PDB file of N, CA and C in Angstrom:
ATOM      1  N   UNK A   1     -14.762  22.326 -21.217  1.00  0.00           N
ATOM      2  CA  UNK A   1     -14.116  22.151 -19.745  1.00  0.00           C
ATOM      3  C   UNK A   1     -12.516  22.122 -20.145  1.00  0.00           C
ATOM      4  N   UNK A   2     -11.767  23.051 -19.681  1.00  0.00           N
ATOM      5  CA  UNK A   2     -10.280  22.334 -19.680  1.00  0.00           C
ATOM      6  C   UNK A   2     -10.036  21.089 -18.721  1.00  0.00           C
ATOM      7  N   UNK A   3      -9.216  20.327 -19.118  1.00  0.00           N
ATOM      8  CA  UNK A   3      -8.599  19.174 -18.558  1.00  0.00           C
ATOM      9  C   UNK A   3      -7.840  19.517 -17.253  1.00  0.00           C
ATOM     10  N   UNK A   4      -8.492  18.761 -15.889  1.00  0.00           N
ATOM     11  CA  UNK A   4      -7.552  19.232 -14.609  1.00  0.00           C
ATOM     12  C   UNK A   4      -6.128  18.547 -14.427  1.00  0.00           C
ATOM     13  N   UNK A   5      -5.197  19.088 -13.691  1.00  0.00           N
ATOM     14  CA  UNK A   5      -4.114  18.201 -13.423  1.00  0.00           C
ATOM     15  C   UNK A   5      -4.370  16.783 -13.431  1.00  0.00           C
ATOM     16  N   UNK A   6      -5.664  16.392 -12.930  1.00  0.00           N
ATOM     17  CA  UNK A   6      -5.848  14.722 -12.519  1.00  0.00           C
ATOM     18  C   UNK A   6      -5.862  14.227 -14.038  1.00  0.00           C
ATOM     19  N   UNK A   7      -6.648  15.155 -14.898  1.00  0.00           N
ATOM     20  CA  UNK A   7      -6.771  14.716 -16.164  1.00  0.00           C
ATOM     21  C   UNK A   7      -5.533  14.408 -17.219  1.00  0.00           C
ATOM     22  N   UNK A   8      -4.554  15.106 -16.770  1.00  0.00           N
ATOM     23  CA  UNK A   8      -3.335  15.442 -17.387  1.00  0.00           C
ATOM     24  C   UNK A   8      -2.501  14.022 -17.232  1.00  0.00           C
ATOM     25  N   UNK A   9      -2.530  13.571 -15.598  1.00  0.00           N
ATOM     26  CA  UNK A   9      -1.746  12.839 -15.406  1.00  0.00           C
ATOM     27  C   UNK A   9      -2.022  11.567 -15.412  1.00  0.00           C
ATOM     28  N   UNK A  10      -4.125  11.245 -15.511  1.00  0.00           N
ATOM     29  CA  UNK A  10      -3.926   9.862 -15.822  1.00  0.00           C
ATOM     30  C   UNK A  10      -3.869   9.524 -17.237  1.00  0.00           C
ATOM     31  N   UNK A  11      -3.776  10.692 -18.267  1.00  0.00           N
ATOM     32  CA  UNK A  11      -3.664  10.628 -19.619  1.00  0.00           C
ATOM     33  C   UNK A  11      -2.060  10.337 -19.972  1.00  0.00           C
ATOM     34  N   UNK A  12      -1.396  10.841 -19.004  1.00  0.00           N
ATOM     35  CA  UNK A  12       0.056  10.469 -18.996  1.00  0.00           C
ATOM     36  C   UNK A  12       0.421   9.078 -18.658  1.00  0.00           C
ATOM     37  N   UNK A  13      -0.443   8.680 -17.957  1.00  0.00           N
ATOM     38  CA  UNK A  13      -0.339   7.030 -17.225  1.00  0.00           C
ATOM     39  C   UNK A  13      -0.693   6.048 -18.246  1.00  0.00           C
ATOM     40  N   UNK A  14      -1.839   6.432 -18.987  1.00  0.00           N
ATOM     41  CA  UNK A  14      -2.319   5.811 -20.100  1.00  0.00           C
ATOM     42  C   UNK A  14      -1.279   5.547 -21.325  1.00  0.00           C
ATOM     43  N   UNK A  15      -0.522   6.501 -21.585  1.00  0.00           N
ATOM     44  CA  UNK A  15       0.392   6.425 -22.695  1.00  0.00           C
ATOM     45  C   UNK A  15       1.609   6.050 -22.047  1.00  0.00           C
ATOM     46  N   UNK A  16       2.017   6.042 -21.072  1.00  0.00           N
ATOM     47  CA  UNK A  16       2.888   5.318 -20.272  1.00  0.00           C
ATOM     48  C   UNK A  16       3.099   3.820 -20.139  1.00  0.00           C
ATOM     49  N   UNK A  17       1.773   3.225 -20.211  1.00  0.00           N
ATOM     50  CA  UNK A  17       1.212   2.036 -20.096  1.00  0.00           C
ATOM     51  C   UNK A  17       1.356   1.615 -21.317  1.00  0.00           C
ATOM     52  N   UNK A  18       0.867   2.301 -22.613  1.00  0.00           N
ATOM     53  CA  UNK A  18       1.124   1.716 -24.172  1.00  0.00           C
ATOM     54  C   UNK A  18       2.261   1.379 -24.326  1.00  0.00           C
ATOM     55  N   UNK A  19       3.193   2.701 -24.068  1.00  0.00           N
ATOM     56  CA  UNK A  19       4.627   2.690 -24.419  1.00  0.00           C
ATOM     57  C   UNK A  19       5.163   1.405 -23.681  1.00  0.00           C
ATOM     58  N   UNK A  20       4.672   1.141 -22.415  1.00  0.00           N
ATOM     59  CA  UNK A  20       5.502   0.226 -21.574  1.00  0.00           C
ATOM     60  C   UNK A  20       5.332  -0.968 -22.128  1.00  0.00           C
ATOM     61  N   UNK A  21       3.823  -1.482 -22.562  1.00  0.00           N
ATOM     62  CA  UNK A  21       3.905  -2.706 -23.048  1.00  0.00           C
ATOM     63  C   UNK A  21       4.298  -2.738 -24.584  1.00  0.00           C
ATOM     64  N   UNK A  22       4.456  -1.764 -25.441  1.00  0.00           N
ATOM     65  CA  UNK A  22       5.259  -1.873 -26.603  1.00  0.00           C
ATOM     66  C   UNK A  22       6.836  -2.443 -26.314  1.00  0.00           C
ATOM     67  N   UNK A  23       7.151  -1.943 -25.234  1.00  0.00           N
ATOM     68  CA  UNK A  23       8.333  -2.145 -24.776  1.00  0.00           C
ATOM     69  C   UNK A  23       8.770  -3.239 -23.968  1.00  0.00           C
ATOM     70  N   UNK A  24       7.912  -4.024 -23.712  1.00  0.00           N
ATOM     71  CA  UNK A  24       8.085  -5.224 -22.564  1.00  0.00           C
ATOM     72  C   UNK A  24       9.090  -6.395 -23.560  1.00  0.00           C
ATOM     73  N   UNK A  25      10.093  -6.560 -22.761  1.00  0.00           N
ATOM     74  CA  UNK A  25      10.918  -7.685 -23.170  1.00  0.00           C
ATOM     75  C   UNK A  25      10.381  -9.190 -23.538  1.00  0.00           C
ATOM     76  N   UNK A  26      10.722  -9.409 -24.620  1.00  0.00           N
ATOM     77  CA  UNK A  26      10.118 -10.801 -25.145  1.00  0.00           C
ATOM     78  C   UNK A  26      11.476 -11.730 -25.583  1.00  0.00           C
ATOM     79  N   UNK A  27      11.067 -13.005 -25.693  1.00  0.00           N
ATOM     80  CA  UNK A  27      11.992 -13.934 -26.038  1.00  0.00           C
ATOM     81  C   UNK A  27      11.673 -14.677 -26.895  1.00  0.00           C
ATOM     82  N   UNK A  28      11.876 -14.859 -27.899  1.00  0.00           N
ATOM     83  CA  UNK A  28      11.524 -15.723 -29.106  1.00  0.00           C
ATOM     84  C   UNK A  28      12.695 -16.878 -29.819  1.00  0.00           C
ATOM     85  N   UNK A  29      12.172 -17.959 -30.105  1.00  0.00           N
ATOM     86  CA  UNK A  29      13.124 -18.875 -30.447  1.00  0.00           C
ATOM     87  C   UNK A  29      12.591 -19.480 -31.823  1.00  0.00           C
ATOM     88  N   UNK A  30      13.266 -18.983 -32.994  1.00  0.00           N
ATOM     89  CA  UNK A  30      13.104 -19.463 -34.012  1.00  0.00           C
ATOM     90  C   UNK A  30      14.132 -20.794 -34.593  1.00  0.00           C
ATOM     91  N   UNK A  31      13.312 -21.634 -35.628  1.00  0.00           N
ATOM     92  CA  UNK A  31      13.758 -22.420 -36.302  1.00  0.00           C
ATOM     93  C   UNK A  31      13.822 -22.166 -37.898  1.00  0.00           C
ATOM     94  N   UNK A  32      14.881 -22.221 -38.350  1.00  0.00           N
ATOM     95  CA  UNK A  32      14.781 -21.567 -39.504  1.00  0.00           C
ATOM     96  C   UNK A  32      15.332 -22.686 -40.542  1.00  0.00           C
ATOM     97  N   UNK A  33      14.294 -23.194 -41.824  1.00  0.00           N
ATOM     98  CA  UNK A  33      14.815 -24.335 -42.690  1.00  0.00           C
ATOM     99  C   UNK A  33      14.716 -24.172 -44.245  1.00  0.00           C
ATOM    100  N   UNK A  34      15.317 -24.461 -44.993  1.00  0.00           N
ATOM    101  CA  UNK A  34      15.514 -23.967 -46.258  1.00  0.00           C
ATOM    102  C   UNK A  34      17.085 -23.727 -46.418  1.00  0.00           C
ATOM    103  N   UNK A  35      17.986 -23.245 -47.429  1.00  0.00           N
ATOM    104  CA  UNK A  35      19.055 -23.007 -47.819  1.00  0.00           C
ATOM    105  C   UNK A  35      19.385 -21.831 -46.302  1.00  0.00           C
ATOM    106  N   UNK A  36      20.039 -22.397 -45.435  1.00  0.00           N
ATOM    107  CA  UNK A  36      20.083 -21.486 -44.485  1.00  0.00           C
ATOM    108  C   UNK A  36      21.398 -21.476 -44.063  1.00  0.00           C
ATOM    109  N   UNK A  37      22.197 -22.842 -44.047  1.00  0.00           N
ATOM    110  CA  UNK A  37      23.330 -22.882 -43.772  1.00  0.00           C
ATOM    111  C   UNK A  37      24.668 -22.735 -45.318  1.00  0.00           C
ATOM    112  N   UNK A  38      25.770 -21.868 -44.757  1.00  0.00           N
ATOM    113  CA  UNK A  38      26.926 -21.806 -45.787  1.00  0.00           C
ATOM    114  C   UNK A  38      26.646 -20.303 -46.500  1.00  0.00           C
ATOM    115  N   UNK A  39      25.623 -19.739 -45.783  1.00  0.00           N
ATOM    116  CA  UNK A  39      25.031 -18.718 -46.919  1.00  0.00           C
ATOM    117  C   UNK A  39      24.828 -17.136 -46.287  1.00  0.00           C
ATOM    118  N   UNK A  40      25.787 -17.126 -44.858  1.00  0.00           N
ATOM    119  CA  UNK A  40      26.031 -16.173 -43.875  1.00  0.00           C
ATOM    120  C   UNK A  40      24.838 -15.712 -42.917  1.00  0.00           C
ATOM    121  N   UNK A  41      23.928 -16.930 -42.717  1.00  0.00           N
ATOM    122  CA  UNK A  41      22.615 -16.217 -41.957  1.00  0.00           C
ATOM    123  C   UNK A  41      22.962 -16.278 -40.634  1.00  0.00           C
ATOM    124  N   UNK A  42      24.093 -16.982 -39.964  1.00  0.00           N
ATOM    125  CA  UNK A  42      24.178 -16.273 -38.448  1.00  0.00           C
ATOM    126  C   UNK A  42      24.836 -15.114 -38.381  1.00  0.00           C
ATOM    127  N   UNK A  43      25.973 -14.868 -39.196  1.00  0.00           N
ATOM    128  CA  UNK A  43      26.438 -13.516 -39.157  1.00  0.00           C
ATOM    129  C   UNK A  43      25.315 -12.261 -39.440  1.00  0.00           C
ATOM    130  N   UNK A  44      24.239 -12.692 -40.097  1.00  0.00           N
ATOM    131  CA  UNK A  44      23.311 -11.805 -40.990  1.00  0.00           C
ATOM    132  C   UNK A  44      22.621 -11.684 -39.657  1.00  0.00           C
ATOM    133  N   UNK A  45      22.005 -12.595 -38.760  1.00  0.00           N
ATOM    134  CA  UNK A  45      21.277 -12.203 -38.001  1.00  0.00           C
ATOM    135  C   UNK A  45      21.717 -11.898 -36.738  1.00  0.00           C
ATOM    136  N   UNK A  46      22.899 -11.838 -36.442  1.00  0.00           N
ATOM    137  CA  UNK A  46      23.423 -11.073 -35.660  1.00  0.00           C
ATOM    138  C   UNK A  46      23.998  -9.514 -36.060  1.00  0.00           C
ATOM    139  N   UNK A  47      24.430  -9.389 -37.186  1.00  0.00           N
ATOM    140  CA  UNK A  47      24.312  -8.159 -37.440  1.00  0.00           C
ATOM    141  C   UNK A  47      22.777  -7.423 -37.369  1.00  0.00           C
ATOM    142  N   UNK A  48      21.927  -7.824 -37.915  1.00  0.00           N
ATOM    143  CA  UNK A  48      20.325  -7.104 -38.097  1.00  0.00           C
ATOM    144  C   UNK A  48      19.937  -7.477 -36.306  1.00  0.00           C
ATOM    145  N   UNK A  49      20.150  -8.196 -35.377  1.00  0.00           N
ATOM    146  CA  UNK A  49      19.765  -8.232 -34.150  1.00  0.00           C
ATOM    147  C   UNK A  49      20.676  -7.046 -33.470  1.00  0.00           C
ATOM    148  N   UNK A  50      21.879  -6.919 -33.671  1.00  0.00           N
ATOM    149  CA  UNK A  50      22.546  -5.610 -33.021  1.00  0.00           C
ATOM    150  C   UNK A  50      22.174  -4.493 -33.541  1.00  0.00           C
ATOM    151  N   UNK A  51      21.868  -4.195 -34.864  1.00  0.00           N
ATOM    152  CA  UNK A  51      21.125  -3.015 -35.459  1.00  0.00           C
ATOM    153  C   UNK A  51      19.897  -2.843 -34.588  1.00  0.00           C
ATOM    154  N   UNK A  52      18.760  -3.877 -34.447  1.00  0.00           N
ATOM    155  CA  UNK A  52      17.491  -3.370 -33.973  1.00  0.00           C
ATOM    156  C   UNK A  52      17.504  -3.326 -32.334  1.00  0.00           C
ATOM    157  N   UNK A  53      18.850  -3.902 -31.737  1.00  0.00           N
ATOM    158  CA  UNK A  53      18.902  -3.680 -30.026  1.00  0.00           C
ATOM    159  C   UNK A  53      18.376  -4.697 -29.473  1.00  0.00           C
ATOM    160  N   UNK A  54      18.911  -5.957 -30.357  1.00  0.00           N
ATOM    161  CA  UNK A  54      18.115  -7.421 -29.552  1.00  0.00           C
ATOM    162  C   UNK A  54      19.335  -7.983 -29.287  1.00  0.00           C
ATOM    163  N   UNK A  55      19.241  -8.786 -28.191  1.00  0.00           N
ATOM    164  CA  UNK A  55      20.140 -10.008 -27.900  1.00  0.00           C
ATOM    165  C   UNK A  55      19.845 -11.079 -28.080  1.00  0.00           C
ATOM    166  N   UNK A  56      20.852 -12.278 -27.909  1.00  0.00           N
ATOM    167  CA  UNK A  56      20.618 -13.265 -28.400  1.00  0.00           C
ATOM    168  C   UNK A  56      21.756 -14.200 -28.893  1.00  0.00           C
ATOM    169  N   UNK A  57      21.592 -15.000 -29.701  1.00  0.00           N
ATOM    170  CA  UNK A  57      22.571 -16.030 -30.544  1.00  0.00           C
ATOM    171  C   UNK A  57      21.938 -17.080 -31.435  1.00  0.00           C
ATOM    172  N   UNK A  58      22.883 -17.235 -32.607  1.00  0.00           N
ATOM    173  CA  UNK A  58      22.488 -17.858 -33.612  1.00  0.00           C
ATOM    174  C   UNK A  58      22.973 -19.386 -34.166  1.00  0.00           C
ATOM    175  N   UNK A  59      22.767 -20.748 -34.068  1.00  0.00           N
ATOM    176  CA  UNK A  59      23.548 -21.525 -34.524  1.00  0.00           C
ATOM    177  C   UNK A  59      23.026 -22.318 -35.606  1.00  0.00           C
ATOM    178  N   UNK A  60      24.236 -23.272 -36.191  1.00  0.00           N
ATOM    179  CA  UNK A  60      23.739 -24.150 -37.270  1.00  0.00           C
ATOM    180  C   UNK A  60      23.468 -25.066 -36.594  1.00  0.00           C
ATOM    181  N   UNK A  61      22.472 -26.153 -36.953  1.00  0.00           N
ATOM    182  CA  UNK A  61      21.841 -27.647 -36.352  1.00  0.00           C
ATOM    183  C   UNK A  61      22.039 -28.341 -37.350  1.00  0.00           C
ATOM    184  N   UNK A  62      22.574 -30.004 -36.646  1.00  0.00           N
ATOM    185  CA  UNK A  62      23.137 -30.334 -37.735  1.00  0.00           C
ATOM    186  C   UNK A  62      21.762 -31.078 -38.944  1.00  0.00           C
ATOM    187  N   UNK A  63      20.792 -30.635 -38.766  1.00  0.00           N
ATOM    188  CA  UNK A  63      19.689 -31.192 -39.804  1.00  0.00           C
ATOM    189  C   UNK A  63      19.577 -30.191 -40.843  1.00  0.00           C
ATOM    190  N   UNK A  64      20.386 -28.749 -40.863  1.00  0.00           N
ATOM    191  CA  UNK A  64      20.396 -27.996 -41.832  1.00  0.00           C
ATOM    192  C   UNK A  64      19.720 -26.964 -41.122  1.00  0.00           C
ATOM    193  N   UNK A  65      18.948 -26.770 -40.396  1.00  0.00           N
ATOM    194  CA  UNK A  65      18.503 -25.631 -39.924  1.00  0.00           C
ATOM    195  C   UNK A  65      19.176 -24.849 -39.126  1.00  0.00           C
ATOM    196  N   UNK A  66      18.840 -23.495 -39.037  1.00  0.00           N
ATOM    197  CA  UNK A  66      19.212 -22.411 -38.002  1.00  0.00           C
ATOM    198  C   UNK A  66      18.630 -22.749 -37.001  1.00  0.00           C
ATOM    199  N   UNK A  67      18.936 -22.135 -36.158  1.00  0.00           N
ATOM    200  CA  UNK A  67      18.119 -21.789 -34.626  1.00  0.00           C
ATOM    201  C   UNK A  67      18.894 -20.664 -33.963  1.00  0.00           C
ATOM    202  N   UNK A  68      17.964 -19.799 -33.602  1.00  0.00           N
ATOM    203  CA  UNK A  68      18.497 -18.470 -33.237  1.00  0.00           C
ATOM    204  C   UNK A  68      17.370 -18.194 -31.887  1.00  0.00           C
ATOM    205  N   UNK A  69      17.873 -17.164 -31.301  1.00  0.00           N
ATOM    206  CA  UNK A  69      16.863 -16.629 -30.174  1.00  0.00           C
ATOM    207  C   UNK A  69      17.372 -15.114 -30.496  1.00  0.00           C
ATOM    208  N   UNK A  70      16.137 -14.724 -29.924  1.00  0.00           N
ATOM    209  CA  UNK A  70      15.914 -13.566 -29.957  1.00  0.00           C
ATOM    210  C   UNK A  70      15.392 -12.835 -28.681  1.00  0.00           C
ATOM    211  N   UNK A  71      15.767 -11.594 -28.195  1.00  0.00           N
ATOM    212  CA  UNK A  71      15.259 -11.117 -26.728  1.00  0.00           C
ATOM    213  C   UNK A  71      15.822  -9.627 -26.458  1.00  0.00           C
ATOM    214  N   UNK A  72      14.454  -9.001 -26.400  1.00  0.00           N
ATOM    215  CA  UNK A  72      14.260  -7.639 -26.035  1.00  0.00           C
ATOM    216  C   UNK A  72      13.510  -7.058 -26.434  1.00  0.00           C
ATOM    217  N   UNK A  73      13.065  -5.453 -26.859  1.00  0.00           N
ATOM    218  CA  UNK A  73      11.778  -5.428 -26.855  1.00  0.00           C
ATOM    219  C   UNK A  73      10.966  -5.796 -27.744  1.00  0.00           C
ATOM    220  N   UNK A  74       9.528  -6.081 -27.452  1.00  0.00           N
ATOM    221  CA  UNK A  74       9.084  -7.103 -28.224  1.00  0.00           C
ATOM    222  C   UNK A  74       8.631  -6.761 -29.567  1.00  0.00           C
ATOM    223  N   UNK A  75       8.584  -5.176 -29.769  1.00  0.00           N
ATOM    224  CA  UNK A  75       8.875  -4.759 -31.652  1.00  0.00           C
ATOM    225  C   UNK A  75       9.653  -5.006 -32.065  1.00  0.00           C
ATOM    226  N   UNK A  76      11.232  -4.965 -31.598  1.00  0.00           N
ATOM    227  CA  UNK A  76      12.050  -5.352 -32.026  1.00  0.00           C
ATOM    228  C   UNK A  76      12.587  -6.910 -32.316  1.00  0.00           C
ATOM    229  N   UNK A  77      12.238  -7.358 -31.537  1.00  0.00           N
ATOM    230  CA  UNK A  77      12.073  -9.280 -31.434  1.00  0.00           C
ATOM    231  C   UNK A  77      11.230  -9.307 -32.674  1.00  0.00           C
ATOM    232  N   UNK A  78       9.591  -8.704 -32.622  1.00  0.00           N
ATOM    233  CA  UNK A  78       9.244  -9.443 -34.067  1.00  0.00           C
ATOM    234  C   UNK A  78       9.520  -8.740 -35.408  1.00  0.00           C
ATOM    235  N   UNK A  79      10.432  -7.298 -35.446  1.00  0.00           N
ATOM    236  CA  UNK A  79      11.218  -7.188 -36.301  1.00  0.00           C
ATOM    237  C   UNK A  79      12.169  -8.801 -37.104  1.00  0.00           C
ATOM    238  N   UNK A  80      13.000  -8.688 -35.716  1.00  0.00           N
ATOM    239  CA  UNK A  80      13.862 -10.066 -36.373  1.00  0.00           C
ATOM    240  C   UNK A  80      13.387 -11.370 -36.350  1.00  0.00           C
ATOM    241  N   UNK A  81      12.357 -11.759 -35.941  1.00  0.00           N
ATOM    242  CA  UNK A  81      11.365 -12.904 -36.845  1.00  0.00           C
ATOM    243  C   UNK A  81      11.415 -12.431 -38.119  1.00  0.00           C
ATOM    244  N   UNK A  82      10.610 -11.166 -37.987  1.00  0.00           N
ATOM    245  CA  UNK A  82      10.245 -11.093 -39.795  1.00  0.00           C
ATOM    246  C   UNK A  82      11.334 -11.212 -40.493  1.00  0.00           C
ATOM    247  N   UNK A  83      12.948 -10.765 -40.212  1.00  0.00           N
ATOM    248  CA  UNK A  83      13.625 -10.824 -41.345  1.00  0.00           C
ATOM    249  C   UNK A  83      14.324 -12.246 -41.357  1.00  0.00           C
ATOM    250  N   UNK A  84      13.871 -12.903 -40.325  1.00  0.00           N
ATOM    251  CA  UNK A  84      14.288 -14.254 -40.569  1.00  0.00           C
ATOM    252  C   UNK A  84      13.635 -14.952 -41.097  1.00  0.00           C
ATOM    253  N   UNK A  85      12.292 -14.402 -41.579  1.00  0.00           N
ATOM    254  CA  UNK A  85      11.488 -15.055 -42.970  1.00  0.00           C
ATOM    255  C   UNK A  85      12.218 -15.006 -44.272  1.00  0.00           C
ATOM    256  N   UNK A  86      13.012 -14.080 -44.431  1.00  0.00           N
ATOM    257  CA  UNK A  86      13.806 -13.730 -45.887  1.00  0.00           C
ATOM    258  C   UNK A  86      15.104 -14.248 -45.555  1.00  0.00           C
ATOM    259  N   UNK A  87      16.321 -13.342 -44.468  1.00  0.00           N
ATOM    260  CA  UNK A  87      17.415 -13.713 -44.213  1.00  0.00           C
ATOM    261  C   UNK A  87      18.087 -13.002 -45.397  1.00  0.00           C
ATOM    262  N   UNK A  88      19.650 -13.425 -45.152  1.00  0.00           N
ATOM    263  CA  UNK A  88      20.474 -12.445 -46.560  1.00  0.00           C
ATOM    264  C   UNK A  88      20.119 -12.764 -47.284  1.00  0.00           C
ATOM    265  N   UNK A  89      20.798 -12.235 -48.436  1.00  0.00           N
ATOM    266  CA  UNK A  89      20.490 -12.528 -49.863  1.00  0.00           C
ATOM    267  C   UNK A  89      20.700 -13.876 -50.375  1.00  0.00           C
ATOM    268  N   UNK A  90      21.860 -14.541 -49.910  1.00  0.00           N
ATOM    269  CA  UNK A  90      21.985 -16.094 -50.590  1.00  0.00           C
ATOM    270  C   UNK A  90      20.782 -16.822 -50.016  1.00  0.00           C
ATOM    271  N   UNK A  91      20.607 -17.041 -48.786  1.00  0.00           N
ATOM    272  CA  UNK A  91      19.547 -17.917 -47.935  1.00  0.00           C
ATOM    273  C   UNK A  91      18.351 -18.061 -49.179  1.00  0.00           C
ATOM    274  N   UNK A  92      17.691 -19.391 -48.986  1.00  0.00           N
ATOM    275  CA  UNK A  92      16.336 -19.446 -49.486  1.00  0.00           C
ATOM    276  C   UNK A  92      15.723 -20.032 -48.344  1.00  0.00           C
ATOM    277  N   UNK A  93      15.085 -19.410 -47.743  1.00  0.00           N
ATOM    278  CA  UNK A  93      13.936 -19.701 -46.284  1.00  0.00           C
ATOM    279  C   UNK A  93      12.651 -20.194 -47.205  1.00  0.00           C
ATOM    280  N   UNK A  94      12.501 -21.457 -46.492  1.00  0.00           N
ATOM    281  CA  UNK A  94      11.280 -22.284 -46.439  1.00  0.00           C
ATOM    282  C   UNK A  94      10.289 -22.131 -45.633  1.00  0.00           C
ATOM    283  N   UNK A  95      10.947 -22.259 -44.190  1.00  0.00           N
ATOM    284  CA  UNK A  95      10.141 -22.616 -43.124  1.00  0.00           C
ATOM    285  C   UNK A  95      10.602 -21.716 -42.351  1.00  0.00           C
ATOM    286  N   UNK A  96       9.868 -21.025 -40.969  1.00  0.00           N
ATOM    287  CA  UNK A  96      10.117 -20.244 -39.640  1.00  0.00           C
ATOM    288  C   UNK A  96       9.169 -21.119 -38.850  1.00  0.00           C
ATOM    289  N   UNK A  97       9.768 -21.807 -37.945  1.00  0.00           N
ATOM    290  CA  UNK A  97       9.052 -22.039 -37.027  1.00  0.00           C
ATOM    291  C   UNK A  97       9.391 -20.857 -35.501  1.00  0.00           C
ATOM    292  N   UNK A  98       8.300 -20.452 -34.735  1.00  0.00           N
ATOM    293  CA  UNK A  98       8.589 -19.390 -33.791  1.00  0.00           C
ATOM    294  C   UNK A  98       8.083 -19.840 -32.657  1.00  0.00           C
ATOM    295  N   UNK A  99       8.638 -19.785 -31.463  1.00  0.00           N
ATOM    296  CA  UNK A  99       8.194 -20.013 -30.166  1.00  0.00           C
ATOM    297  C   UNK A  99       8.291 -19.074 -29.180  1.00  0.00           C
ATOM    298  N   UNK A 100       7.660 -18.919 -28.477  1.00  0.00           N
ATOM    299  CA  UNK A 100       8.104 -17.219 -27.396  1.00  0.00           C
ATOM    300  C   UNK A 100       8.272 -18.204 -25.980  1.00  0.00           C
ATOM    301  N   UNK A 101       9.264 -17.751 -25.694  1.00  0.00           N
ATOM    302  CA  UNK A 101       9.810 -18.001 -24.050  1.00  0.00           C
ATOM    303  C   UNK A 101       9.903 -17.140 -23.048  1.00  0.00           C
ATOM    304  N   UNK A 102      10.171 -17.667 -21.880  1.00  0.00           N
ATOM    305  CA  UNK A 102      10.373 -16.193 -20.920  1.00  0.00           C
ATOM    306  C   UNK A 102      11.634 -15.753 -20.979  1.00  0.00           C
ATOM    307  N   UNK A 103      11.890 -14.391 -21.272  1.00  0.00           N
ATOM    308  CA  UNK A 103      13.070 -14.113 -21.391  1.00  0.00           C
ATOM    309  C   UNK A 103      13.826 -14.318 -20.130  1.00  0.00           C
ATOM    310  N   UNK A 104      15.030 -14.370 -20.586  1.00  0.00           N
ATOM    311  CA  UNK A 104      16.304 -14.750 -19.621  1.00  0.00           C
ATOM    312  C   UNK A 104      17.422 -13.710 -19.215  1.00  0.00           C
ATOM    313  N   UNK A 105      17.480 -12.538 -20.089  1.00  0.00           N
ATOM    314  CA  UNK A 105      18.291 -11.585 -19.747  1.00  0.00           C
ATOM    315  C   UNK A 105      19.674 -11.741 -20.582  1.00  0.00           C
ATOM    316  N   UNK A 106      19.369 -12.294 -21.449  1.00  0.00           N
ATOM    317  CA  UNK A 106      20.777 -12.435 -22.802  1.00  0.00           C
ATOM    318  C   UNK A 106      20.709 -11.098 -22.782  1.00  0.00           C
ATOM    319  N   UNK A 107      22.505 -10.806 -23.124  1.00  0.00           N
ATOM    320  CA  UNK A 107      22.950  -9.409 -23.181  1.00  0.00           C
ATOM    321  C   UNK A 107      24.016 -10.129 -24.701  1.00  0.00           C
ATOM    322  N   UNK A 108      24.325  -8.664 -25.532  1.00  0.00           N
ATOM    323  CA  UNK A 108      24.689  -9.111 -26.721  1.00  0.00           C
ATOM    324  C   UNK A 108      23.941 -10.037 -27.540  1.00  0.00           C
ATOM    325  N   UNK A 109      24.618 -10.210 -28.665  1.00  0.00           N
ATOM    326  CA  UNK A 109      24.509 -11.443 -29.655  1.00  0.00           C
ATOM    327  C   UNK A 109      25.515 -12.065 -30.517  1.00  0.00           C
ATOM    328  N   UNK A 110      25.683 -13.493 -30.132  1.00  0.00           N
ATOM    329  CA  UNK A 110      26.358 -14.333 -30.286  1.00  0.00           C
ATOM    330  C   UNK A 110      26.371 -15.545 -31.409  1.00  0.00           C
ATOM    331  N   UNK A 111      27.175 -15.634 -32.558  1.00  0.00           N
ATOM    332  CA  UNK A 111      27.291 -16.891 -33.231  1.00  0.00           C
ATOM    333  C   UNK A 111      27.540 -17.967 -32.524  1.00  0.00           C
ATOM    334  N   UNK A 112      27.105 -18.872 -32.358  1.00  0.00           N
ATOM    335  CA  UNK A 112      27.586 -20.150 -31.552  1.00  0.00           C
ATOM    336  C   UNK A 112      27.867 -21.027 -32.839  1.00  0.00           C
ATOM    337  N   UNK A 113      28.667 -22.082 -32.426  1.00  0.00           N
ATOM    338  CA  UNK A 113      29.333 -22.935 -33.326  1.00  0.00           C
ATOM    339  C   UNK A 113      29.132 -24.255 -32.956  1.00  0.00           C
TER     340      UNK A 113
END
């Protein structure tokens, strides 16, 4: 039996729902420990985020960690988190803590001082 227009619409809705679930805006705060200051971690985080289409910011913390917020499509935020586990070539990442937050509508990506 050939699919009806109603079947096609239902299939389209299902596909749209799956796509929109993957594109849901997410926000993650990451705390990165190790040799992560003085190795261009923040600038590299910005470059990575921009390439992924993610907004947010990164800053050095007084205890030697880097704090970053990534906000955008969930899949892109997850890729930014994975990048944080490695960092730029000179970094030695020892630990990454991730907490999920409610998106606030970040625009662009900044390096905070």
